[in-house]
C-alpha cells in the first residue's frame, strides 16, 4: 500500500495481487470440499465436463455466479444432493 502525501490530498492506493485470476484454485477447492469430482460438478452446475475441466485448469474463467454459489455452499455446509 502506498500513500500520496501531497498537500491537500489524502489518497490511498491498495493493490492486491491474486495469482488465481480465473478462480481456478477456488473452483477446485470448492468442488473437493463438497465431495464432487469435476464431472459431478459439471452435472450439478448444468455444464459439460469439458467446461468444468477448463475451469479447474484455469483455461477459462469461472463465472461469478458459479463462484458465489460454490462459496456459499461450502461456507454453509450445504450438500449438493440437498440442492437438487
C-alpha atoms as a PDB file:
ATOM      1  CA  UNK A   1       0.000   0.000   0.000  1.00  0.00           C
ATOM      2  CA  UNK A   2       1.301   3.457  -0.792  1.00  0.00           C
ATOM      3  CA  UNK A   3       0.135   6.867   0.269  1.00  0.00           C
ATOM      4  CA  UNK A   4       0.373  10.113  -1.630  1.00  0.00           C
ATOM      5  CA  UNK A   5       1.288  12.815   0.894  1.00  0.00           C
ATOM      6  CA  UNK A   6       0.841  15.718  -1.493  1.00  0.00           C
ATOM      7  CA  UNK A   7      -0.576  18.696   0.444  1.00  0.00           C
ATOM      8  CA  UNK A   8      -4.370  18.779   0.222  1.00  0.00           C
ATOM      9  CA  UNK A   9      -4.680  15.168  -0.909  1.00  0.00           C
ATOM     10  CA  UNK A  10      -5.101  12.019   1.081  1.00  0.00           C
ATOM     11  CA  UNK A  11      -5.056   9.200  -1.457  1.00  0.00           C
ATOM     12  CA  UNK A  12      -4.537   5.557  -0.599  1.00  0.00           C
ATOM     13  CA  UNK A  13      -3.742   3.044  -3.268  1.00  0.00           C
ATOM     14  CA  UNK A  14      -4.053  -0.639  -2.474  1.00  0.00           C
ATOM     15  CA  UNK A  15      -3.041  -3.309  -4.931  1.00  0.00           C
ATOM     16  CA  UNK A  16      -3.836  -6.930  -4.256  1.00  0.00           C
ATOM     17  CA  UNK A  17      -2.094  -9.469  -6.424  1.00  0.00           C
ATOM     18  CA  UNK A  18      -4.074 -12.615  -6.979  1.00  0.00           C
ATOM     19  CA  UNK A  19      -2.291 -15.453  -8.720  1.00  0.00           C
ATOM     20  CA  UNK A  20      -5.616 -17.190  -9.265  1.00  0.00           C
ATOM     21  CA  UNK A  21      -7.210 -14.652 -11.588  1.00  0.00           C
ATOM     22  CA  UNK A  22      -9.541 -17.187 -13.239  1.00  0.00           C
ATOM     23  CA  UNK A  23     -10.827 -18.663  -9.984  1.00  0.00           C
ATOM     24  CA  UNK A  24      -9.157 -21.999 -10.769  1.00  0.00           C
ATOM     25  CA  UNK A  25      -7.951 -22.763  -7.249  1.00  0.00           C
ATOM     26  CA  UNK A  26     -11.192 -21.673  -5.623  1.00  0.00           C
ATOM     27  CA  UNK A  27     -13.184 -23.846  -8.018  1.00  0.00           C
ATOM     28  CA  UNK A  28     -11.027 -26.907  -7.451  1.00  0.00           C
ATOM     29  CA  UNK A  29     -11.003 -26.438  -3.676  1.00  0.00           C
ATOM     30  CA  UNK A  30     -14.759 -25.844  -3.510  1.00  0.00           C
ATOM     31  CA  UNK A  31     -15.764 -28.907  -5.506  1.00  0.00           C
ATOM     32  CA  UNK A  32     -13.324 -31.020  -3.486  1.00  0.00           C
ATOM     33  CA  UNK A  33     -14.758 -29.664  -0.217  1.00  0.00           C
ATOM     34  CA  UNK A  34     -18.243 -30.534  -1.475  1.00  0.00           C
ATOM     35  CA  UNK A  35     -17.115 -34.061  -2.333  1.00  0.00           C
ATOM     36  CA  UNK A  36     -17.608 -33.635  -6.073  1.00  0.00           C
ATOM     37  CA  UNK A  37     -15.426 -34.635  -8.966  1.00  0.00           C
ATOM     38  CA  UNK A  38     -15.108 -32.336 -11.972  1.00  0.00           C
ATOM     39  CA  UNK A  39     -17.655 -34.483 -13.816  1.00  0.00           C
ATOM     40  CA  UNK A  40     -20.096 -34.435 -10.884  1.00  0.00           C
ATOM     41  CA  UNK A  41     -19.651 -30.662 -10.548  1.00  0.00           C
ATOM     42  CA  UNK A  42     -20.398 -30.277 -14.256  1.00  0.00           C
ATOM     43  CA  UNK A  43     -23.627 -32.253 -13.908  1.00  0.00           C
ATOM     44  CA  UNK A  44     -24.618 -30.293 -10.792  1.00  0.00           C
ATOM     45  CA  UNK A  45     -23.937 -26.936 -12.473  1.00  0.00           C
ATOM     46  CA  UNK A  46     -25.523 -27.891 -15.789  1.00  0.00           C
ATOM     47  CA  UNK A  47     -22.380 -27.547 -17.877  1.00  0.00           C
ATOM     48  CA  UNK A  48     -20.323 -30.004 -19.873  1.00  0.00           C
ATOM     49  CA  UNK A  49     -17.477 -31.936 -18.254  1.00  0.00           C
ATOM     50  CA  UNK A  50     -15.172 -30.099 -20.657  1.00  0.00           C
ATOM     51  CA  UNK A  51     -16.289 -26.731 -19.256  1.00  0.00           C
ATOM     52  CA  UNK A  52     -15.707 -27.951 -15.691  1.00  0.00           C
ATOM     53  CA  UNK A  53     -12.248 -29.175 -16.701  1.00  0.00           C
ATOM     54  CA  UNK A  54     -11.431 -25.817 -18.332  1.00  0.00           C
ATOM     55  CA  UNK A  55     -12.426 -24.017 -15.122  1.00  0.00           C
ATOM     56  CA  UNK A  56     -10.371 -26.406 -12.978  1.00  0.00           C
ATOM     57  CA  UNK A  57      -7.299 -25.967 -15.190  1.00  0.00           C
ATOM     58  CA  UNK A  58      -7.677 -22.182 -15.417  1.00  0.00           C
ATOM     59  CA  UNK A  59      -8.194 -22.308 -19.175  1.00  0.00           C
ATOM     60  CA  UNK A  60     -11.500 -20.445 -18.833  1.00  0.00           C
ATOM     61  CA  UNK A  61     -12.587 -18.051 -16.092  1.00  0.00           C
ATOM     62  CA  UNK A  62     -15.096 -19.400 -13.586  1.00  0.00           C
ATOM     63  CA  UNK A  63     -18.332 -17.403 -13.892  1.00  0.00           C
ATOM     64  CA  UNK A  64     -19.031 -15.178 -10.912  1.00  0.00           C
ATOM     65  CA  UNK A  65     -22.400 -16.850 -10.231  1.00  0.00           C
ATOM     66  CA  UNK A  66     -20.733 -20.274 -10.055  1.00  0.00           C
ATOM     67  CA  UNK A  67     -18.056 -18.963  -7.737  1.00  0.00           C
ATOM     68  CA  UNK A  68     -20.619 -17.353  -5.432  1.00  0.00           C
ATOM     69  CA  UNK A  69     -22.817 -20.459  -5.366  1.00  0.00           C
ATOM     70  CA  UNK A  70     -19.940 -22.785  -4.518  1.00  0.00           C
ATOM     71  CA  UNK A  71     -18.557 -20.452  -1.840  1.00  0.00           C
ATOM     72  CA  UNK A  72     -21.990 -20.222  -0.198  1.00  0.00           C
ATOM     73  CA  UNK A  73     -22.436 -23.986  -0.300  1.00  0.00           C
ATOM     74  CA  UNK A  74     -19.033 -24.578   1.283  1.00  0.00           C
ATOM     75  CA  UNK A  75     -19.448 -21.876   3.943  1.00  0.00           C
ATOM     76  CA  UNK A  76     -22.964 -23.064   4.910  1.00  0.00           C
ATOM     77  CA  UNK A  77     -22.070 -26.762   4.646  1.00  0.00           C
ATOM     78  CA  UNK A  78     -24.787 -27.391   2.042  1.00  0.00           C
ATOM     79  CA  UNK A  79     -24.610 -30.800   0.425  1.00  0.00           C
ATOM     80  CA  UNK A  80     -25.104 -30.737  -3.380  1.00  0.00           C
ATOM     81  CA  UNK A  81     -27.666 -33.589  -3.039  1.00  0.00           C
ATOM     82  CA  UNK A  82     -29.804 -31.299  -0.849  1.00  0.00           C
ATOM     83  CA  UNK A  83     -29.975 -28.623  -3.525  1.00  0.00           C
ATOM     84  CA  UNK A  84     -31.418 -30.664  -6.378  1.00  0.00           C
END
